[in-house]
C-alpha atoms as a PDB file:
ATOM      1  CA  MET A   1      11.788   2.207  13.033  1.00  0.00           C
ATOM      2  CA  ILE A   2       9.605   1.396  10.952  1.00  0.00           C
ATOM      3  CA  GLN A   3      11.325   0.608   7.674  1.00  0.00           C
ATOM      4  CA  LEU A   4       9.692   2.804   4.217  1.00  0.00           C
ATOM      5  CA  GLU A   5      11.207   2.871   1.032  1.00  0.00           C
ATOM      6  CA  ASP A   6      12.749   5.645   0.001  1.00  0.00           C
ATOM      7  CA  LYS A   7      10.228   6.941  -3.076  1.00  0.00           C
ATOM      8  CA  LEU A   8       6.958   8.766  -2.755  1.00  0.00           C
ATOM      9  CA  TYR A   9       3.878   7.629  -1.397  1.00  0.00           C
ATOM     10  CA  THR A  10       0.263   8.927  -2.372  1.00  0.00           C
ATOM     11  CA  SER A  11      -2.333  10.051   0.909  1.00  0.00           C
ATOM     12  CA  THR A  12      -3.718   6.415   0.837  1.00  0.00           C
ATOM     13  CA  GLU A  13      -0.432   5.200   0.871  1.00  0.00           C
ATOM     14  CA  VAL A  14       0.513   6.841   4.049  1.00  0.00           C
ATOM     15  CA  ALA A  15      -2.813   6.397   5.649  1.00  0.00           C
ATOM     16  CA  GLU A  16      -1.999   2.444   5.381  1.00  0.00           C
ATOM     17  CA  VAL A  17       1.568   3.383   6.836  1.00  0.00           C
ATOM     18  CA  LEU A  18       0.799   5.509   9.472  1.00  0.00           C
ATOM     19  CA  GLY A  19      -2.729   2.752  10.405  1.00  0.00           C
ATOM     20  CA  VAL A  20      -5.020   6.074  10.280  1.00  0.00           C
ATOM     21  CA  SER A  21      -8.245   7.380   7.882  1.00  0.00           C
ATOM     22  CA  LEU A  22      -7.555   8.931   5.175  1.00  0.00           C
ATOM     23  CA  ARG A  23      -9.781  11.658   6.591  1.00  0.00           C
ATOM     24  CA  SER A  24      -7.020  12.226   9.383  1.00  0.00           C
ATOM     25  CA  VAL A  25      -4.294  12.356   7.180  1.00  0.00           C
ATOM     26  CA  TYR A  26      -6.440  14.979   5.170  1.00  0.00           C
ATOM     27  CA  ARG A  27      -6.336  16.535   8.978  1.00  0.00           C
ATOM     28  CA  TYR A  28      -2.515  16.301  10.063  1.00  0.00           C
ATOM     29  CA  LEU A  29      -1.958  18.149   6.663  1.00  0.00           C
ATOM     30  CA  GLU A  30      -4.498  20.583   7.713  1.00  0.00           C
ATOM     31  CA  GLU A  31      -2.261  21.096  11.291  1.00  0.00           C
ATOM     32  CA  ASN A  32       0.854  21.681   9.671  1.00  0.00           C
ATOM     33  CA  LYS A  33       1.349  18.676  11.572  1.00  0.00           C
ATOM     34  CA  LEU A  34       2.384  16.386   8.302  1.00  0.00           C
ATOM     35  CA  ASN A  35       4.068  17.976   5.187  1.00  0.00           C
ATOM     36  CA  ALA A  36       3.531  16.947   1.855  1.00  0.00           C
ATOM     37  CA  GLU A  37       6.693  16.791  -0.897  1.00  0.00           C
ATOM     38  CA  VAL A  38       5.037  17.377  -3.573  1.00  0.00           C
ATOM     39  CA  LYS A  39       1.050  18.642  -4.861  1.00  0.00           C
ATOM     40  CA  THR A  40       0.028  17.421  -7.988  1.00  0.00           C
ATOM     41  CA  ALA A  41      -1.480  19.819 -10.290  1.00  0.00           C
ATOM     42  CA  THR A  42      -4.812  18.459  -9.670  1.00  0.00           C
ATOM     43  CA  GLY A  43      -3.914  19.011  -6.083  1.00  0.00           C
ATOM     44  CA  ARG A  44      -3.666  15.446  -5.145  1.00  0.00           C
ATOM     45  CA  HIS A  45      -0.821  14.799  -2.401  1.00  0.00           C
ATOM     46  CA  ARG A  46       2.330  13.266  -2.518  1.00  0.00           C
ATOM     47  CA  PHE A  47       4.784  12.111   0.643  1.00  0.00           C
ATOM     48  CA  SER A  48       8.792  10.909   0.403  1.00  0.00           C
ATOM     49  CA  LYS A  49      10.258   8.974   3.129  1.00  0.00           C
ATOM     50  CA  GLN A  50      11.614  11.666   4.938  1.00  0.00           C
ATOM     51  CA  ASN A  51       8.441  13.695   5.565  1.00  0.00           C
ATOM     52  CA  ILE A  52       6.718  10.640   7.204  1.00  0.00           C
ATOM     53  CA  LEU A  53       9.472   9.949  10.119  1.00  0.00           C
ATOM     54  CA  ASP A  54       9.793  13.339  10.178  1.00  0.00           C
ATOM     55  CA  PHE A  55       5.638  12.878  11.853  1.00  0.00           C
ATOM     56  CA  LEU A  56       6.405   9.738  13.417  1.00  0.00           C
ATOM     57  CA  TYR A  57       9.879  11.284  15.488  1.00  0.00           C
ATOM     58  CA  PRO A  58       9.582  14.737  15.606  1.00  0.00           C
ATOM     59  CA  ASN A  59      12.664  15.094  18.079  1.00  0.00           C
ATOM     60  CA  GLY A  60      14.576  14.124  14.806  1.00  0.00           C
ATOM     61  CA  ALA A  61      17.649  11.823  14.791  1.00  0.00           C
ATOM     62  CA  ASP A  62      18.652  12.442  17.647  1.00  0.00           C
ATOM     63  CA  ALA A  63      16.512  11.046  19.750  1.00  0.00           C
ATOM     64  CA  LEU A  64      15.553   8.386  18.074  1.00  0.00           C
ATOM     65  CA  LYS A  65      19.377   7.367  17.586  1.00  0.00           C
ATOM     66  CA  ALA A  66      19.099   7.237  21.654  1.00  0.00           C
ATOM     67  CA  LEU A  67      16.710   5.284  21.600  1.00  0.00           C
ATOM     68  CA  GLU A  68      18.353   2.843  19.387  1.00  0.00           C
ATOM     69  CA  GLN A  69      20.991   3.479  22.260  1.00  0.00           C
ATOM     70  CA  ASP A  70      18.715   2.600  25.222  1.00  0.00           C
ATOM     71  CA  ALA A  71      17.878  -0.559  24.004  1.00  0.00           C
ATOM     72  CA  ALA A  72      20.644  -1.634  22.746  1.00  0.00           C
ATOM     73  CA  LEU A  73      22.495  -0.901  26.406  1.00  0.00           C
ATOM     74  CA  PRO A  74      22.960  -5.322  28.038  1.00  0.00           C
ATOM     75  CA  VAL A  75      20.559  -5.824  31.025  1.00  0.00           C
ATOM     76  CA  LYS A  76      22.200  -6.951  34.189  1.00  0.00           C
ATOM     77  CA  PRO A  77      20.926 -10.215  35.746  1.00  0.00           C
ATOM     78  CA  VAL A  78      20.358 -10.122  38.931  1.00  0.00           C
ATOM     79  CA  SER A  79      21.223 -12.742  41.223  1.00  0.00           C
ATOM     80  CA  THR A  80      18.674 -14.481  44.096  1.00  0.00           C
ATOM     81  CA  LYS A  81      19.448 -16.814  46.359  1.00  0.00           C
ATOM     82  CA  SER A  82      17.302 -20.300  45.683  1.00  0.00           C
ATOM     83  CA  THR A  83      15.901 -21.275  48.770  1.00  0.00           C
ATOM     84  CA  ARG A  84      15.098 -25.641  48.929  1.00  0.00           C
ATOM     85  CA  VAL A  85      11.197 -26.322  50.226  1.00  0.00           C
ATOM     86  CA  GLN A  86      10.312 -29.571  51.001  1.00  0.00           C
ATOM     87  CA  THR A  87       6.583 -30.265  49.522  1.00  0.00           C
ATOM     88  CA  GLU A  88       4.463 -32.741  49.574  1.00  0.00           C
ATOM     89  CA  PRO A  89       4.254 -35.494  46.063  1.00  0.00           C
ATOM     90  CA  VAL A  90       1.067 -33.932  44.130  1.00  0.00           C
ATOM     91  CA  ALA A  91      -0.570 -36.427  41.275  1.00  0.00           C
ATOM     92  CA  GLU A  92       0.490 -34.193  38.264  1.00  0.00           C
ATOM     93  CA  GLU A  93      -2.966 -33.843  36.032  1.00  0.00           C
ATOM     94  CA  PRO A  94      -2.506 -33.408  32.550  1.00  0.00           C
ATOM     95  CA  VAL A  95      -2.880 -29.714  31.528  1.00  0.00           C
ATOM     96  CA  GLN A  96      -4.637 -28.740  28.945  1.00  0.00           C
ATOM     97  CA  THR A  97      -2.515 -25.606  25.909  1.00  0.00           C
ATOM     98  CA  LYS A  98      -5.105 -24.022  24.251  1.00  0.00           C
ATOM     99  CA  LYS A  99      -4.721 -24.667  20.043  1.00  0.00           C
ATOM    100  CA  GLN A 100      -1.869 -22.468  18.408  1.00  0.00           C
ATOM    101  CA  GLU A 101      -4.487 -19.501  16.357  1.00  0.00           C
ATOM    102  CA  GLU A 102      -3.810 -19.726  13.163  1.00  0.00           C
ATOM    103  CA  VAL A 103      -2.387 -16.447  11.695  1.00  0.00           C
ATOM    104  CA  VAL A 104      -4.074 -14.955   9.648  1.00  0.00           C
ATOM    105  CA  GLU A 105      -2.583 -13.165   6.492  1.00  0.00           C
ATOM    106  CA  GLU A 106      -3.848  -9.949   6.129  1.00  0.00           C
ATOM    107  CA  GLU A 107      -5.342  -9.760   2.152  1.00  0.00           C
ATOM    108  CA  PRO A 108      -6.011  -6.652   0.218  1.00  0.00           C
ATOM    109  CA  ILE A 109      -9.238  -4.220   0.781  1.00  0.00           C
ATOM    110  CA  ASP A 110     -11.804  -6.131  -1.722  1.00  0.00           C
ATOM    111  CA  TRP A 111     -14.404  -3.511  -2.212  1.00  0.00           C
ATOM    112  CA  LEU A 112     -16.645  -5.434  -4.344  1.00  0.00           C
ATOM    113  CA  ALA A 113     -17.018  -7.354  -1.392  1.00  0.00           C
ATOM    114  CA  LYS A 114     -17.323  -4.590   1.550  1.00  0.00           C
ATOM    115  CA  PHE A 115     -20.519  -2.860  -1.495  1.00  0.00           C
ATOM    116  CA  ARG A 116     -22.016  -6.559  -1.279  1.00  0.00           C
ATOM    117  CA  ASP A 117     -22.028  -6.855   2.572  1.00  0.00           C
ATOM    118  CA  ALA A 118     -23.291  -2.954   2.452  1.00  0.00           C
ATOM    119  CA  ALA A 119     -25.972  -3.451   0.237  1.00  0.00           C
ATOM    120  CA  LYS A 120     -27.371  -7.134   1.614  1.00  0.00           C
ATOM    121  CA  LYS A 121     -27.759  -4.942   5.362  1.00  0.00           C
ATOM    122  CA  PHE A 122     -28.832  -1.944   4.088  1.00  0.00           C
ATOM    123  CA  LYS A 123     -31.095  -3.000   1.268  1.00  0.00           C
ATOM    124  CA  GLU A 124     -33.431  -5.758   4.551  1.00  0.00           C
ATOM    125  CA  GLU A 125     -33.233  -2.035   6.651  1.00  0.00           C
ATOM    126  CA  SER A 126     -34.905  -0.402   3.475  1.00  0.00           C
ATOM    127  CA  GLU A 127     -37.204  -2.708   3.133  1.00  0.00           C
ATOM    128  CA  THR A 128     -38.633  -2.838   6.681  1.00  0.00           C
ATOM    129  CA  ALA A 129     -38.648   1.304   6.034  1.00  0.00           C
ATOM    130  CA  GLN A 130     -40.480   1.004   3.509  1.00  0.00           C
ATOM    131  CA  ALA A 131     -43.413  -0.710   5.390  1.00  0.00           C
ATOM    132  CA  ALA A 132     -42.937   1.310   7.847  1.00  0.00           C
ATOM    133  CA  ALA A 133     -43.852   4.967   6.917  1.00  0.00           C
ATOM    134  CA  PRO A 134     -44.586   7.067   4.226  1.00  0.00           C
ATOM    135  CA  ALA A 135     -40.741   8.587   2.535  1.00  0.00           C
ATOM    136  CA  GLU A 136     -40.287  11.740   4.733  1.00  0.00           C
ATOM    137  CA  GLU A 137     -40.503  14.732   2.825  1.00  0.00           C
ATOM    138  CA  ALA A 138     -36.767  16.992   2.008  1.00  0.00           C
ATOM    139  CA  PRO A 139     -35.204  18.563   4.301  1.00  0.00           C
ATOM    140  CA  ALA A 140     -34.242  22.189   3.439  1.00  0.00           C
ATOM    141  CA  ALA A 141     -31.686  23.021   1.197  1.00  0.00           C
ATOM    142  CA  PRO A 142     -28.130  23.827   2.622  1.00  0.00           C
ATOM    143  CA  ALA A 143     -25.628  26.020   1.045  1.00  0.00           C
ATOM    144  CA  ARG A 144     -25.237  25.771  -2.464  1.00  0.00           C
ATOM    145  CA  PRO A 145     -21.746  23.549  -3.176  1.00  0.00           C
ATOM    146  CA  VAL A 146     -18.994  26.227  -3.868  1.00  0.00           C
ATOM    147  CA  GLU A 147     -17.183  24.355  -6.714  1.00  0.00           C
ATOM    148  CA  THR A 148     -19.437  23.929  -9.610  1.00  0.00           C
ATOM    149  CA  GLU A 149     -17.967  22.503 -12.831  1.00  0.00           C
ATOM    150  CA  VAL A 150     -20.427  22.141 -15.900  1.00  0.00           C
ATOM    151  CA  ILE A 151     -19.656  18.976 -18.364  1.00  0.00           C
ATOM    152  CA  PRO A 152     -21.974  19.383 -21.625  1.00  0.00           C
ATOM    153  CA  GLU A 153     -22.041  16.117 -23.320  1.00  0.00           C
ATOM    154  CA  PRO A 154     -21.538  15.878 -26.822  1.00  0.00           C
ATOM    155  CA  VAL A 155     -24.077  13.340 -28.996  1.00  0.00           C
ATOM    156  CA  PHE A 156     -22.863   9.852 -29.417  1.00  0.00           C
ATOM    157  CA  GLU A 157     -22.727   8.575 -33.953  1.00  0.00           C
ATOM    158  CA  ALA A 158     -22.687   4.667 -34.060  1.00  0.00           C
ATOM    159  CA  GLU A 159     -18.823   4.391 -32.891  1.00  0.00           C
ATOM    160  CA  THR A 160     -17.493   2.090 -30.291  1.00  0.00           C
ATOM    161  CA  VAL A 161     -16.093   3.078 -27.331  1.00  0.00           C
ATOM    162  CA  SER A 162     -13.672   0.360 -25.295  1.00  0.00           C
ATOM    163  CA  GLY A 163     -15.028  -2.399 -27.984  1.00  0.00           C
ATOM    164  CA  PHE A 164     -18.731  -2.115 -26.989  1.00  0.00           C
ATOM    165  CA  ALA A 165     -20.482  -0.881 -29.665  1.00  0.00           C
ATOM    166  CA  GLU A 166     -23.208   2.181 -29.171  1.00  0.00           C
ATOM    167  CA  THR A 167     -26.291   3.173 -31.035  1.00  0.00           C
ATOM    168  CA  GLU A 168     -27.499   7.007 -31.727  1.00  0.00           C
ATOM    169  CA  GLU A 169     -29.180   8.644 -28.963  1.00  0.00           C
ATOM    170  CA  PRO A 170     -30.403  12.044 -27.626  1.00  0.00           C
ATOM    171  CA  ALA A 171     -27.486  14.101 -26.438  1.00  0.00           C
ATOM    172  CA  PRO A 172     -29.018  14.936 -22.619  1.00  0.00           C
ATOM    173  CA  ALA A 173     -29.188  17.647 -20.422  1.00  0.00           C
ATOM    174  CA  ASP A 174     -25.590  18.890 -19.306  1.00  0.00           C
ATOM    175  CA  THR A 175     -24.495  17.911 -16.230  1.00  0.00           C
ATOM    176  CA  LEU A 176     -22.985  19.680 -13.002  1.00  0.00           C
ATOM    177  CA  LYS A 177     -19.995  17.943 -11.068  1.00  0.00           C
ATOM    178  CA  HIS A 178     -20.251  18.282  -7.192  1.00  0.00           C
ATOM    179  CA  TYR A 179     -17.711  17.715  -4.631  1.00  0.00           C
ATOM    180  CA  TYR A 180     -17.850  17.089  -1.195  1.00  0.00           C
ATOM    181  CA  ARG A 181     -16.545  15.638   2.294  1.00  0.00           C
ATOM    182  CA  SER A 182     -19.132  13.490   4.123  1.00  0.00           C
ATOM    183  CA  GLY A 183     -19.249  13.579   8.020  1.00  0.00           C
ATOM    184  CA  LEU A 184     -20.500  10.055   7.766  1.00  0.00           C
ATOM    185  CA  GLY A 185     -16.601   8.276   7.468  1.00  0.00           C
ATOM    186  CA  GLY A 186     -15.255   6.810   4.723  1.00  0.00           C
ATOM    187  CA  LEU A 187     -16.467   5.798   0.672  1.00  0.00           C
ATOM    188  CA  LYS A 188     -18.028   2.182   2.167  1.00  0.00           C
ATOM    189  CA  ASP A 189     -20.491   4.175   4.511  1.00  0.00           C
ATOM    190  CA  ILE A 190     -21.593   7.501   2.147  1.00  0.00           C
ATOM    191  CA  ALA A 191     -22.417   4.183  -1.190  1.00  0.00           C
ATOM    192  CA  GLN A 192     -24.658   2.714   1.971  1.00  0.00           C
ATOM    193  CA  ASN A 193     -25.853   5.932   3.145  1.00  0.00           C
ATOM    194  CA  ILE A 194     -26.492   6.752  -0.259  1.00  0.00           C
ATOM    195  CA  ASP A 195     -28.534   3.912  -1.093  1.00  0.00           C
ATOM    196  CA  LYS A 196     -30.623   3.589   2.390  1.00  0.00           C
ATOM    197  CA  ASN A 197     -31.830   7.489   1.987  1.00  0.00           C
ATOM    198  CA  SER A 198     -33.043   7.074  -1.422  1.00  0.00           C
ATOM    199  CA  ARG A 199     -35.015   3.869  -1.083  1.00  0.00           C
ATOM    200  CA  ASN A 200     -36.142   5.328   1.781  1.00  0.00           C
ATOM    201  CA  SER A 201     -37.409   8.202   0.338  1.00  0.00           C
ATOM    202  CA  PHE A 202     -38.499   6.778  -3.600  1.00  0.00           C
ATOM    203  CA  LEU A 203     -35.063   8.935  -5.405  1.00  0.00           C
ATOM    204  CA  ASP A 204     -33.293   8.219  -7.991  1.00  0.00           C
ATOM    205  CA  TYR A 205     -29.356   7.695  -7.824  1.00  0.00           C
ATOM    206  CA  ALA A 206     -26.918   5.527 -10.227  1.00  0.00           C
ATOM    207  CA  PHE A 207     -22.967   4.838  -8.952  1.00  0.00           C
ATOM    208  CA  THR A 208     -20.349   5.625 -12.334  1.00  0.00           C
ATOM    209  CA  LEU A 209     -16.773   5.139 -13.190  1.00  0.00           C
ATOM    210  CA  ASN A 210     -14.770   3.454  -9.697  1.00  0.00           C
ATOM    211  CA  ALA A 211     -18.007   2.630  -7.416  1.00  0.00           C
ATOM    212  CA  GLY A 212     -20.249   1.567 -11.417  1.00  0.00           C
ATOM    213  CA  LEU A 213     -16.959  -0.471 -12.199  1.00  0.00           C
ATOM    214  CA  SER A 214     -16.396  -2.022  -8.832  1.00  0.00           C
ATOM    215  CA  LEU A 215     -19.520  -3.420  -8.718  1.00  0.00           C
ATOM    216  CA  PHE A 216     -18.920  -5.174 -12.180  1.00  0.00           C
ATOM    217  CA  LYS A 217     -15.735  -6.908 -11.274  1.00  0.00           C
ATOM    218  CA  PRO A 218     -13.463  -6.002  -8.369  1.00  0.00           C
ATOM    219  CA  ILE A 219     -10.969  -3.155  -9.646  1.00  0.00           C
ATOM    220  CA  LYS A 220      -8.245  -1.559  -7.617  1.00  0.00           C
ATOM    221  CA  PRO A 221      -8.382   0.626  -4.396  1.00  0.00           C
ATOM    222  CA  PHE A 222     -10.286   3.992  -5.250  1.00  0.00           C
ATOM    223  CA  SER A 223     -10.084   7.273  -3.226  1.00  0.00           C
ATOM    224  CA  MET A 224     -13.512   9.396  -4.672  1.00  0.00           C
ATOM    225  CA  LEU A 225     -17.647   8.074  -5.681  1.00  0.00           C
ATOM    226  CA  HIS A 226     -19.120   9.656  -8.237  1.00  0.00           C
ATOM    227  CA  ALA A 227     -23.307   9.058  -8.746  1.00  0.00           C
ATOM    228  CA  TYR A 228     -25.793  10.464 -10.938  1.00  0.00           C
ATOM    229  CA  VAL A 229     -28.276  12.596  -8.780  1.00  0.00           C
ATOM    230  CA  ARG A 230     -31.480  14.711  -9.774  1.00  0.00           C
ATOM    231  CA  PRO A 231     -31.402  18.500  -9.412  1.00  0.00           C
ATOM    232  CA  SER A 232     -34.330  18.565  -7.039  1.00  0.00           C
ATOM    233  CA  ASP A 233     -32.762  16.248  -4.927  1.00  0.00           C
ATOM    234  CA  VAL A 234     -29.112  17.320  -4.257  1.00  0.00           C
ATOM    235  CA  SER A 235     -30.087  19.328  -1.048  1.00  0.00           C
ATOM    236  CA  TYR A 236     -31.342  16.315   1.041  1.00  0.00           C
ATOM    237  CA  PHE A 237     -28.374  14.039  -0.320  1.00  0.00           C
ATOM    238  CA  GLU A 238     -26.458  17.106   1.047  1.00  0.00           C
ATOM    239  CA  LYS A 239     -28.519  17.033   4.799  1.00  0.00           C
ATOM    240  CA  THR A 240     -28.706  13.390   5.232  1.00  0.00           C
ATOM    241  CA  LEU A 241     -25.203  12.613   3.448  1.00  0.00           C
ATOM    242  CA  MET A 242     -23.700  15.350   6.058  1.00  0.00           C
ATOM    243  CA  LEU A 243     -21.415  16.875   3.130  1.00  0.00           C
ATOM    244  CA  THR A 244     -19.189  19.702   2.836  1.00  0.00           C
ATOM    245  CA  PRO A 245     -18.369  21.469  -0.498  1.00  0.00           C
ATOM    246  CA  THR A 246     -14.604  21.662  -0.884  1.00  0.00           C
ATOM    247  CA  GLU A 247     -11.794  21.113  -3.940  1.00  0.00           C
ATOM    248  CA  GLU A 248     -11.829  17.769  -6.536  1.00  0.00           C
ATOM    249  CA  GLY A 249      -8.467  16.523  -4.710  1.00  0.00           C
ATOM    250  CA  ASN A 250     -10.026  16.796  -1.208  1.00  0.00           C
ATOM    251  CA  ALA A 251     -13.085  15.220  -2.638  1.00  0.00           C
ATOM    252  CA  GLN A 252     -14.948  11.416  -1.453  1.00  0.00           C
ATOM    253  CA  LEU A 253     -17.839  11.687  -3.092  1.00  0.00           C
ATOM    254  CA  CYS A 254     -18.733  14.126  -6.763  1.00  0.00           C
ATOM    255  CA  LEU A 255     -22.576  13.750  -7.147  1.00  0.00           C
ATOM    256  CA  LEU A 256     -23.365  14.336 -11.423  1.00  0.00           C
ATOM    257  CA  VAL A 257     -26.143  16.268 -11.426  1.00  0.00           C
ATOM    258  CA  SER A 258     -28.525  15.764 -13.805  1.00  0.00           C
ATOM    259  CA  ASP A 259     -32.694  15.497 -15.008  1.00  0.00           C
ATOM    260  CA  ASP A 260     -31.690  12.514 -17.593  1.00  0.00           C
ATOM    261  CA  ASN A 261     -34.459   9.978 -17.505  1.00  0.00           C
ATOM    262  CA  GLY A 262     -32.420   8.086 -19.211  1.00  0.00           C
ATOM    263  CA  ILE A 263     -29.483   7.371 -16.659  1.00  0.00           C
ATOM    264  CA  TYR A 264     -32.350   6.274 -14.248  1.00  0.00           C
ATOM    265  CA  THR A 265     -34.675   4.272 -16.450  1.00  0.00           C
ATOM    266  CA  GLY A 266     -31.283   2.487 -18.477  1.00  0.00           C
ATOM    267  CA  ARG A 267     -29.869   1.509 -14.735  1.00  0.00           C
ATOM    268  CA  GLU A 268     -29.024  -1.714 -13.160  1.00  0.00           C
ATOM    269  CA  GLU A 269     -29.169  -3.348  -9.950  1.00  0.00           C
ATOM    270  CA  LEU A 270     -26.091  -5.555  -8.678  1.00  0.00           C
ATOM    271  CA  HIS A 271     -25.405  -6.281  -5.834  1.00  0.00           C
ATOM    272  CA  GLY A 272     -28.567  -4.654  -3.628  1.00  0.00           C
ATOM    273  CA  LEU A 273     -26.415  -0.967  -5.315  1.00  0.00           C
ATOM    274  CA  PHE A 274     -28.224   1.120  -8.064  1.00  0.00           C
ATOM    275  CA  VAL A 275     -25.483   1.207 -11.024  1.00  0.00           C
ATOM    276  CA  VAL A 276     -25.483   3.017 -14.762  1.00  0.00           C
ATOM    277  CA  SER A 277     -25.791   1.102 -17.803  1.00  0.00           C
ATOM    278  CA  LYS A 278     -23.043  -0.537 -19.758  1.00  0.00           C
ATOM    279  CA  GLU A 279     -23.772   1.540 -22.206  1.00  0.00           C
ATOM    280  CA  ARG A 280     -23.088   4.874 -20.338  1.00  0.00           C
ATOM    281  CA  LEU A 281     -20.935   4.033 -18.251  1.00  0.00           C
ATOM    282  CA  ALA A 282     -18.429   3.288 -21.396  1.00  0.00           C
ATOM    283  CA  LYS A 283     -19.152   6.863 -22.210  1.00  0.00           C
ATOM    284  CA  ASP A 284     -18.602   8.161 -18.603  1.00  0.00           C
ATOM    285  CA  VAL A 285     -14.976   6.312 -18.621  1.00  0.00           C
ATOM    286  CA  LYS A 286     -14.011   7.600 -22.129  1.00  0.00           C
ATOM    287  CA  ASN A 287     -14.977  11.423 -21.216  1.00  0.00           C
ATOM    288  CA  LEU A 288     -14.702  11.646 -17.534  1.00  0.00           C
ATOM    289  CA  GLY A 289     -11.816   8.544 -16.719  1.00  0.00           C
ATOM    290  CA  ASP A 290      -8.401   7.851 -16.679  1.00  0.00           C
ATOM    291  CA  SER A 291      -6.402   6.181 -18.560  1.00  0.00           C
ATOM    292  CA  GLY A 292      -6.053   3.848 -15.415  1.00  0.00           C
ATOM    293  CA  LEU A 293      -9.489   2.781 -15.701  1.00  0.00           C
ATOM    294  CA  SER A 294     -10.460   2.868 -18.909  1.00  0.00           C
ATOM    295  CA  ALA A 295      -7.529  -0.534 -19.049  1.00  0.00           C
ATOM    296  CA  GLU A 296      -9.773  -1.832 -16.601  1.00  0.00           C
ATOM    297  CA  ALA A 297     -12.792  -1.425 -18.106  1.00  0.00           C
ATOM    298  CA  GLN A 298     -11.735  -3.432 -20.905  1.00  0.00           C
ATOM    299  CA  SER A 299     -13.059  -6.809 -20.094  1.00  0.00           C
ATOM    300  CA  VAL A 300     -16.519  -5.704 -19.021  1.00  0.00           C
ATOM    301  CA  LEU A 301     -17.232  -2.742 -21.281  1.00  0.00           C
ATOM    302  CA  SER A 302     -15.674  -5.051 -24.340  1.00  0.00           C
END
């Protein structure tokens, strides 16, 4: 039986315990195969130890106890008669033994390393694609997202955000937040395809918040990417990334839709991926991020 701590587990931690993807955990929830002890105000699920055990052992404690009793039964040795067989002596040959494989301790996920590998691979593919053919025309727009939220961006006077001095600039246009799940798989696949497709079609994008900060330094694992795109390019990314509109608590990707040229002209390229400038990242962490992300951003933005 799996030994679990008596605490509330996040969806990511449950996925690690079960050895499945985060997407599978959400599917189990939808099929009522897995129950959540708590659902927070923001729509995130928290699972108790009993929730996980009920999923792993659906027949209950009696079936588990019976399995443990069967495993504890002694095995009766089988007596065999030995027969002496006279054989001719054979010259001994040295036996080559396989070198014991070293046990490699599992290391925590290094998101920065994953982004670097992804960037290197898709940078090579994009260079080949650009030389071979012109950009494809943007496909027809699918259905618009169900949930959108308008985030007005205030005018910032000269002040310091997380220790980073900022300068005055005009207020940019309003930013729309669109939440999605992707049919491509996990965050790594989504990030790779955003970069690949935008380069092939000469479109602008820039990562921010957790995804953007992870390109500057290794940070704790996260469950949603945030990327700026232009309004005219939303339908293209919806189709090429196989996006389905969803609620914020269940989303893998948030497209921040803005036509502010300063976001794209001021972006930087790190490890083959585009990220907003440090000034913009500081604003987004302050206005859109949580306290945990603000603490991790101190060393980069100060």
